[in-house]
Amino acid sequence: MSRMVEGLLTLARAEPAGSTVVLRARRHGPTVDLEIRDEGAGMTDEQRGRAFDRFWRAGPPGTGIGLGGWQPPAKR
């Protein structure tokens, strides 16, 4: 889980200097909701729909953090 958060924060920090990155964690009984927000362009509806598809990338090959490998741990 820590590698997933590190990857998401790395992407968020890649935004232009002076951009805001917000990290929130909320505990709900045995689970935690984690929210990371930045001021980037974000994803299209299509990209959001495919974000957790295994091996799918929004950008060119070799970019991104591969969220598909993180969905099962993130949903636990």
PDB file of N, CA and C in Angstrom:
ATOM      1  N   MET A   1       0.822  -1.188   0.000  1.00  0.00           N
ATOM      2  CA  MET A   1       0.000   0.000   0.000  1.00  0.00           C
ATOM      3  C   MET A   1       0.871   1.259   0.000  1.00  0.00           C
ATOM      4  N   SER A   2       1.963   1.225   0.748  1.00  0.00           N
ATOM      5  CA  SER A   2       2.820   2.413   0.811  1.00  0.00           C
ATOM      6  C   SER A   2       3.434   2.724  -0.548  1.00  0.00           C
ATOM      7  N   ARG A   3       3.753   1.698  -1.352  1.00  0.00           N
ATOM      8  CA  ARG A   3       4.300   1.952  -2.694  1.00  0.00           C
ATOM      9  C   ARG A   3       3.251   2.585  -3.591  1.00  0.00           C
ATOM     10  N   MET A   4       1.985   2.202  -3.449  1.00  0.00           N
ATOM     11  CA  MET A   4       0.923   2.800  -4.233  1.00  0.00           C
ATOM     12  C   MET A   4       0.788   4.281  -3.885  1.00  0.00           C
ATOM     13  N   VAL A   5       0.770   4.594  -2.605  1.00  0.00           N
ATOM     14  CA  VAL A   5       0.652   5.989  -2.168  1.00  0.00           C
ATOM     15  C   VAL A   5       1.858   6.782  -2.645  1.00  0.00           C
ATOM     16  N   GLU A   6       3.041   6.202  -2.526  1.00  0.00           N
ATOM     17  CA  GLU A   6       4.253   6.884  -2.989  1.00  0.00           C
ATOM     18  C   GLU A   6       4.170   7.182  -4.483  1.00  0.00           C
ATOM     19  N   GLY A   7       3.702   6.219  -5.270  1.00  0.00           N
ATOM     20  CA  GLY A   7       3.564   6.432  -6.707  1.00  0.00           C
ATOM     21  C   GLY A   7       2.570   7.527  -7.037  1.00  0.00           C
ATOM     22  N   LEU A   8       1.432   7.530  -6.368  1.00  0.00           N
ATOM     23  CA  LEU A   8       0.427   8.569  -6.611  1.00  0.00           C
ATOM     24  C   LEU A   8       0.942   9.946  -6.205  1.00  0.00           C
ATOM     25  N   LEU A   9       1.648  10.025  -5.076  1.00  0.00           N
ATOM     26  CA  LEU A   9       2.207  11.307  -4.656  1.00  0.00           C
ATOM     27  C   LEU A   9       3.306  11.775  -5.604  1.00  0.00           C
ATOM     28  N   THR A  10       4.078  10.848  -6.142  1.00  0.00           N
ATOM     29  CA  THR A  10       5.113  11.213  -7.123  1.00  0.00           C
ATOM     30  C   THR A  10       4.469  11.848  -8.342  1.00  0.00           C
ATOM     31  N   LEU A  11       3.383  11.254  -8.820  1.00  0.00           N
ATOM     32  CA  LEU A  11       2.673  11.837  -9.964  1.00  0.00           C
ATOM     33  C   LEU A  11       2.098  13.206  -9.618  1.00  0.00           C
ATOM     34  N   ALA A  12       1.524  13.339  -8.440  1.00  0.00           N
ATOM     35  CA  ALA A  12       0.938  14.613  -8.033  1.00  0.00           C
ATOM     36  C   ALA A  12       2.006  15.694  -7.908  1.00  0.00           C
ATOM     37  N   ARG A  13       3.182  15.331  -7.409  1.00  0.00           N
ATOM     38  CA  ARG A  13       4.265  16.320  -7.249  1.00  0.00           C
ATOM     39  C   ARG A  13       4.857  16.743  -8.580  1.00  0.00           C
ATOM     40  N   ALA A  14       4.557  16.021  -9.645  1.00  0.00           N
ATOM     41  CA  ALA A  14       5.089  16.367 -10.966  1.00  0.00           C
ATOM     42  C   ALA A  14       4.360  17.562 -11.573  1.00  0.00           C
ATOM     43  N   GLU A  15       3.344  18.058 -10.897  1.00  0.00           N
ATOM     44  CA  GLU A  15       2.619  19.223 -11.379  1.00  0.00           C
ATOM     45  C   GLU A  15       3.515  20.460 -11.266  1.00  0.00           C
ATOM     46  N   PRO A  16       3.148  21.548 -11.954  1.00  0.00           N
ATOM     47  CA  PRO A  16       3.987  22.753 -11.934  1.00  0.00           C
ATOM     48  C   PRO A  16       4.267  23.266 -10.524  1.00  0.00           C
ATOM     49  N   ALA A  17       5.398  23.939 -10.372  1.00  0.00           N
ATOM     50  CA  ALA A  17       5.788  24.513  -9.079  1.00  0.00           C
ATOM     51  C   ALA A  17       4.665  25.399  -8.560  1.00  0.00           C
ATOM     52  N   GLY A  18       4.423  25.320  -7.273  1.00  0.00           N
ATOM     53  CA  GLY A  18       3.386  26.123  -6.648  1.00  0.00           C
ATOM     54  C   GLY A  18       2.025  25.445  -6.622  1.00  0.00           C
ATOM     55  N   SER A  19       1.888  24.309  -7.294  1.00  0.00           N
ATOM     56  CA  SER A  19       0.626  23.571  -7.283  1.00  0.00           C
ATOM     57  C   SER A  19       0.404  22.964  -5.904  1.00  0.00           C
ATOM     58  N   THR A  20      -0.847  22.783  -5.557  1.00  0.00           N
ATOM     59  CA  THR A  20      -1.212  22.214  -4.264  1.00  0.00           C
ATOM     60  C   THR A  20      -1.473  20.718  -4.403  1.00  0.00           C
ATOM     61  N   VAL A  21      -0.955  19.944  -3.467  1.00  0.00           N
ATOM     62  CA  VAL A  21      -1.232  18.513  -3.368  1.00  0.00           C
ATOM     63  C   VAL A  21      -1.848  18.280  -1.990  1.00  0.00           C
ATOM     64  N   VAL A  22      -3.011  17.631  -1.966  1.00  0.00           N
ATOM     65  CA  VAL A  22      -3.715  17.373  -0.714  1.00  0.00           C
ATOM     66  C   VAL A  22      -3.819  15.867  -0.518  1.00  0.00           C
ATOM     67  N   LEU A  23      -3.453  15.408   0.655  1.00  0.00           N
ATOM     68  CA  LEU A  23      -3.572  13.997   1.023  1.00  0.00           C
ATOM     69  C   LEU A  23      -4.489  13.921   2.233  1.00  0.00           C
ATOM     70  N   ARG A  24      -5.575  13.133   2.104  1.00  0.00           N
ATOM     71  CA  ARG A  24      -6.511  12.950   3.211  1.00  0.00           C
ATOM     72  C   ARG A  24      -6.702  11.467   3.461  1.00  0.00           C
ATOM     73  N   ALA A  25      -6.766  11.114   4.712  1.00  0.00           N
ATOM     74  CA  ALA A  25      -7.072   9.735   5.103  1.00  0.00           C
ATOM     75  C   ALA A  25      -8.200   9.793   6.119  1.00  0.00           C
ATOM     76  N   ARG A  26      -9.211   8.952   5.879  1.00  0.00           N
ATOM     77  CA  ARG A  26     -10.353   8.885   6.794  1.00  0.00           C
ATOM     78  C   ARG A  26     -10.566   7.430   7.194  1.00  0.00           C
ATOM     79  N   ARG A  27     -10.665   7.197   8.479  1.00  0.00           N
ATOM     80  CA  ARG A  27     -10.880   5.838   8.968  1.00  0.00           C
ATOM     81  C   ARG A  27     -12.378   5.572   9.075  1.00  0.00           C
ATOM     82  N   HIS A  28     -12.774   4.416   8.572  1.00  0.00           N
ATOM     83  CA  HIS A  28     -14.161   3.960   8.638  1.00  0.00           C
ATOM     84  C   HIS A  28     -14.147   2.539   9.186  1.00  0.00           C
ATOM     85  N   GLY A  29     -14.157   2.414  10.500  1.00  0.00           N
ATOM     86  CA  GLY A  29     -14.073   1.092  11.112  1.00  0.00           C
ATOM     87  C   GLY A  29     -12.760   0.438  10.743  1.00  0.00           C
ATOM     88  N   PRO A  30     -12.810  -0.749  10.134  1.00  0.00           N
ATOM     89  CA  PRO A  30     -11.575  -1.454   9.794  1.00  0.00           C
ATOM     90  C   PRO A  30     -10.923  -0.977   8.491  1.00  0.00           C
ATOM     91  N   THR A  31     -11.576  -0.048   7.768  1.00  0.00           N
ATOM     92  CA  THR A  31     -11.028   0.414   6.487  1.00  0.00           C
ATOM     93  C   THR A  31     -10.611   1.876   6.566  1.00  0.00           C
ATOM     94  N   VAL A  32      -9.817   2.292   5.581  1.00  0.00           N
ATOM     95  CA  VAL A  32      -9.371   3.677   5.472  1.00  0.00           C
ATOM     96  C   VAL A  32      -9.637   4.152   4.053  1.00  0.00           C
ATOM     97  N   ASP A  33     -10.259   5.324   3.931  1.00  0.00           N
ATOM     98  CA  ASP A  33     -10.414   5.971   2.628  1.00  0.00           C
ATOM     99  C   ASP A  33      -9.247   6.917   2.459  1.00  0.00           C
ATOM    100  N   LEU A  34      -8.572   6.820   1.340  1.00  0.00           N
ATOM    101  CA  LEU A  34      -7.421   7.664   1.049  1.00  0.00           C
ATOM    102  C   LEU A  34      -7.743   8.503  -0.173  1.00  0.00           C
ATOM    103  N   GLU A  35      -7.510   9.791  -0.069  1.00  0.00           N
ATOM    104  CA  GLU A  35      -7.769  10.711  -1.170  1.00  0.00           C
ATOM    105  C   GLU A  35      -6.507  11.526  -1.421  1.00  0.00           C
ATOM    106  N   ILE A  36      -6.073  11.563  -2.679  1.00  0.00           N
ATOM    107  CA  ILE A  36      -4.941  12.393  -3.079  1.00  0.00           C
ATOM    108  C   ILE A  36      -5.434  13.296  -4.199  1.00  0.00           C
ATOM    109  N   ARG A  37      -5.323  14.586  -3.999  1.00  0.00           N
ATOM    110  CA  ARG A  37      -5.764  15.558  -5.001  1.00  0.00           C
ATOM    111  C   ARG A  37      -4.592  16.451  -5.395  1.00  0.00           C
ATOM    112  N   ASP A  38      -4.566  16.785  -6.676  1.00  0.00           N
ATOM    113  CA  ASP A  38      -3.597  17.770  -7.144  1.00  0.00           C
ATOM    114  C   ASP A  38      -4.319  18.702  -8.104  1.00  0.00           C
ATOM    115  N   GLU A  39      -3.600  19.632  -8.686  1.00  0.00           N
ATOM    116  CA  GLU A  39      -4.206  20.610  -9.582  1.00  0.00           C
ATOM    117  C   GLU A  39      -3.923  20.286 -11.044  1.00  0.00           C
ATOM    118  N   GLY A  40      -3.650  19.027 -11.323  1.00  0.00           N
ATOM    119  CA  GLY A  40      -3.360  18.609 -12.694  1.00  0.00           C
ATOM    120  C   GLY A  40      -4.611  18.544 -13.550  1.00  0.00           C
ATOM    121  N   ALA A  41      -4.416  18.189 -14.809  1.00  0.00           N
ATOM    122  CA  ALA A  41      -5.519  18.139 -15.774  1.00  0.00           C
ATOM    123  C   ALA A  41      -6.496  17.014 -15.458  1.00  0.00           C
ATOM    124  N   GLY A  42      -6.055  16.008 -14.730  1.00  0.00           N
ATOM    125  CA  GLY A  42      -6.935  14.905 -14.380  1.00  0.00           C
ATOM    126  C   GLY A  42      -7.084  13.911 -15.511  1.00  0.00           C
ATOM    127  N   MET A  43      -8.091  13.076 -15.395  1.00  0.00           N
ATOM    128  CA  MET A  43      -8.329  12.013 -16.369  1.00  0.00           C
ATOM    129  C   MET A  43      -9.703  12.216 -17.006  1.00  0.00           C
ATOM    130  N   THR A  44      -9.831  11.772 -18.241  1.00  0.00           N
ATOM    131  CA  THR A  44     -11.130  11.793 -18.891  1.00  0.00           C
ATOM    132  C   THR A  44     -12.008  10.712 -18.278  1.00  0.00           C
ATOM    133  N   ASP A  45     -13.300  10.752 -18.570  1.00  0.00           N
ATOM    134  CA  ASP A  45     -14.205   9.711 -18.070  1.00  0.00           C
ATOM    135  C   ASP A  45     -13.757   8.339 -18.573  1.00  0.00           C
ATOM    136  N   GLU A  46     -13.322   8.266 -19.829  1.00  0.00           N
ATOM    137  CA  GLU A  46     -12.861   6.989 -20.389  1.00  0.00           C
ATOM    138  C   GLU A  46     -11.619   6.487 -19.643  1.00  0.00           C
ATOM    139  N   GLN A  47     -10.677   7.379 -19.387  1.00  0.00           N
ATOM    140  CA  GLN A  47      -9.463   6.988 -18.673  1.00  0.00           C
ATOM    141  C   GLN A  47      -9.788   6.523 -17.256  1.00  0.00           C
ATOM    142  N   ARG A  48     -10.686   7.218 -16.574  1.00  0.00           N
ATOM    143  CA  ARG A  48     -11.079   6.796 -15.219  1.00  0.00           C
ATOM    144  C   ARG A  48     -11.707   5.412 -15.247  1.00  0.00           C
ATOM    145  N   GLY A  49     -12.505   5.147 -16.280  1.00  0.00           N
ATOM    146  CA  GLY A  49     -13.149   3.845 -16.399  1.00  0.00           C
ATOM    147  C   GLY A  49     -12.171   2.705 -16.620  1.00  0.00           C
ATOM    148  N   ARG A  50     -10.994   3.022 -17.157  1.00  0.00           N
ATOM    149  CA  ARG A  50      -9.992   1.993 -17.452  1.00  0.00           C
ATOM    150  C   ARG A  50      -8.793   2.047 -16.515  1.00  0.00           C
ATOM    151  N   ALA A  51      -8.762   2.968 -15.590  1.00  0.00           N
ATOM    152  CA  ALA A  51      -7.580   3.213 -14.758  1.00  0.00           C
ATOM    153  C   ALA A  51      -7.068   1.974 -14.038  1.00  0.00           C
ATOM    154  N   PHE A  52      -7.965   1.060 -13.637  1.00  0.00           N
ATOM    155  CA  PHE A  52      -7.540  -0.127 -12.912  1.00  0.00           C
ATOM    156  C   PHE A  52      -7.441  -1.358 -13.806  1.00  0.00           C
ATOM    157  N   ASP A  53      -7.603  -1.181 -15.138  1.00  0.00           N
ATOM    158  CA  ASP A  53      -7.397  -2.312 -16.055  1.00  0.00           C
ATOM    159  C   ASP A  53      -5.922  -2.695 -16.020  1.00  0.00           C
ATOM    160  N   ARG A  54      -5.663  -3.964 -15.874  1.00  0.00           N
ATOM    161  CA  ARG A  54      -4.277  -4.428 -15.802  1.00  0.00           C
ATOM    162  C   ARG A  54      -3.527  -4.093 -17.086  1.00  0.00           C
ATOM    163  N   PHE A  55      -2.355  -3.529 -16.960  1.00  0.00           N
ATOM    164  CA  PHE A  55      -1.432  -3.170 -18.040  1.00  0.00           C
ATOM    165  C   PHE A  55      -1.898  -1.980 -18.876  1.00  0.00           C
ATOM    166  N   TRP A  56      -2.996  -1.325 -18.549  1.00  0.00           N
ATOM    167  CA  TRP A  56      -3.444  -0.160 -19.314  1.00  0.00           C
ATOM    168  C   TRP A  56      -2.733   1.085 -18.821  1.00  0.00           C
ATOM    169  N   ARG A  57      -2.364   1.960 -19.744  1.00  0.00           N
ATOM    170  CA  ARG A  57      -1.713   3.233 -19.425  1.00  0.00           C
ATOM    171  C   ARG A  57      -2.423   4.350 -20.173  1.00  0.00           C
ATOM    172  N   ALA A  58      -2.595   5.499 -19.538  1.00  0.00           N
ATOM    173  CA  ALA A  58      -3.198   6.656 -20.197  1.00  0.00           C
ATOM    174  C   ALA A  58      -2.198   7.299 -21.155  1.00  0.00           C
ATOM    175  N   GLY A  59      -0.919   7.202 -20.832  1.00  0.00           N
ATOM    176  CA  GLY A  59       0.113   7.839 -21.649  1.00  0.00           C
ATOM    177  C   GLY A  59       0.867   6.826 -22.475  1.00  0.00           C
ATOM    178  N   PRO A  60       1.995   7.274 -23.027  1.00  0.00           N
ATOM    179  CA  PRO A  60       2.799   6.362 -23.839  1.00  0.00           C
ATOM    180  C   PRO A  60       3.358   5.211 -23.015  1.00  0.00           C
ATOM    181  N   PRO A  61       3.745   4.109 -23.674  1.00  0.00           N
ATOM    182  CA  PRO A  61       4.322   2.967 -22.943  1.00  0.00           C
ATOM    183  C   PRO A  61       5.475   3.413 -22.045  1.00  0.00           C
ATOM    184  N   GLY A  62       5.525   2.805 -20.868  1.00  0.00           N
ATOM    185  CA  GLY A  62       6.598   3.131 -19.927  1.00  0.00           C
ATOM    186  C   GLY A  62       6.257   4.271 -18.991  1.00  0.00           C
ATOM    187  N   THR A  63       5.044   4.818 -19.112  1.00  0.00           N
ATOM    188  CA  THR A  63       4.646   5.918 -18.224  1.00  0.00           C
ATOM    189  C   THR A  63       3.586   5.435 -17.255  1.00  0.00           C
ATOM    190  N   GLY A  64       3.342   6.193 -16.221  1.00  0.00           N
ATOM    191  CA  GLY A  64       2.296   5.858 -15.254  1.00  0.00           C
ATOM    192  C   GLY A  64       2.789   4.881 -14.204  1.00  0.00           C
ATOM    193  N   ILE A  65       1.900   4.549 -13.279  1.00  0.00           N
ATOM    194  CA  ILE A  65       2.278   3.669 -12.175  1.00  0.00           C
ATOM    195  C   ILE A  65       1.573   2.328 -12.233  1.00  0.00           C
ATOM    196  N   GLY A  66       0.743   2.111 -13.236  1.00  0.00           N
ATOM    197  CA  GLY A  66       0.084   0.820 -13.363  1.00  0.00           C
ATOM    198  C   GLY A  66      -0.898   0.542 -12.241  1.00  0.00           C
ATOM    199  N   LEU A  67      -1.954   1.320 -12.148  1.00  0.00           N
ATOM    200  CA  LEU A  67      -2.925   1.159 -11.072  1.00  0.00           C
ATOM    201  C   LEU A  67      -3.596  -0.206 -11.082  1.00  0.00           C
ATOM    202  N   GLY A  68      -3.631  -0.881 -12.225  1.00  0.00           N
ATOM    203  CA  GLY A  68      -4.268  -2.190 -12.314  1.00  0.00           C
ATOM    204  C   GLY A  68      -3.706  -3.187 -11.321  1.00  0.00           C
ATOM    205  N   GLY A  69      -2.445  -3.095 -11.024  1.00  0.00           N
ATOM    206  CA  GLY A  69      -1.836  -4.005 -10.060  1.00  0.00           C
ATOM    207  C   GLY A  69      -2.131  -3.650  -8.618  1.00  0.00           C
ATOM    208  N   TRP A  70      -2.743  -2.478  -8.409  1.00  0.00           N
ATOM    209  CA  TRP A  70      -2.988  -2.022  -7.048  1.00  0.00           C
ATOM    210  C   TRP A  70      -4.444  -2.114  -6.630  1.00  0.00           C
ATOM    211  N   GLN A  71      -5.351  -2.386  -7.545  1.00  0.00           N
ATOM    212  CA  GLN A  71      -6.753  -2.397  -7.158  1.00  0.00           C
ATOM    213  C   GLN A  71      -7.066  -3.407  -6.060  1.00  0.00           C
ATOM    214  N   PRO A  72      -6.645  -4.675  -6.172  1.00  0.00           N
ATOM    215  CA  PRO A  72      -6.973  -5.590  -5.069  1.00  0.00           C
ATOM    216  C   PRO A  72      -6.452  -5.127  -3.711  1.00  0.00           C
ATOM    217  N   PRO A  73      -5.182  -4.699  -3.571  1.00  0.00           N
ATOM    218  CA  PRO A  73      -4.747  -4.228  -2.257  1.00  0.00           C
ATOM    219  C   PRO A  73      -5.501  -2.962  -1.826  1.00  0.00           C
ATOM    220  N   ALA A  74      -5.812  -2.106  -2.788  1.00  0.00           N
ATOM    221  CA  ALA A  74      -6.487  -0.859  -2.438  1.00  0.00           C
ATOM    222  C   ALA A  74      -7.914  -1.111  -1.978  1.00  0.00           C
ATOM    223  N   LYS A  75      -8.531  -2.184  -2.436  1.00  0.00           N
ATOM    224  CA  LYS A  75      -9.914  -2.487  -2.069  1.00  0.00           C
ATOM    225  C   LYS A  75     -10.024  -3.272  -0.772  1.00  0.00           C
ATOM    226  N   ARG A  76      -8.901  -3.761  -0.233  1.00  0.00           N
ATOM    227  CA  ARG A  76      -8.947  -4.561   1.007  1.00  0.00           C
ATOM    228  C   ARG A  76      -9.308  -3.733   2.200  1.00  0.00           C
TER     229      ARG A  76
END
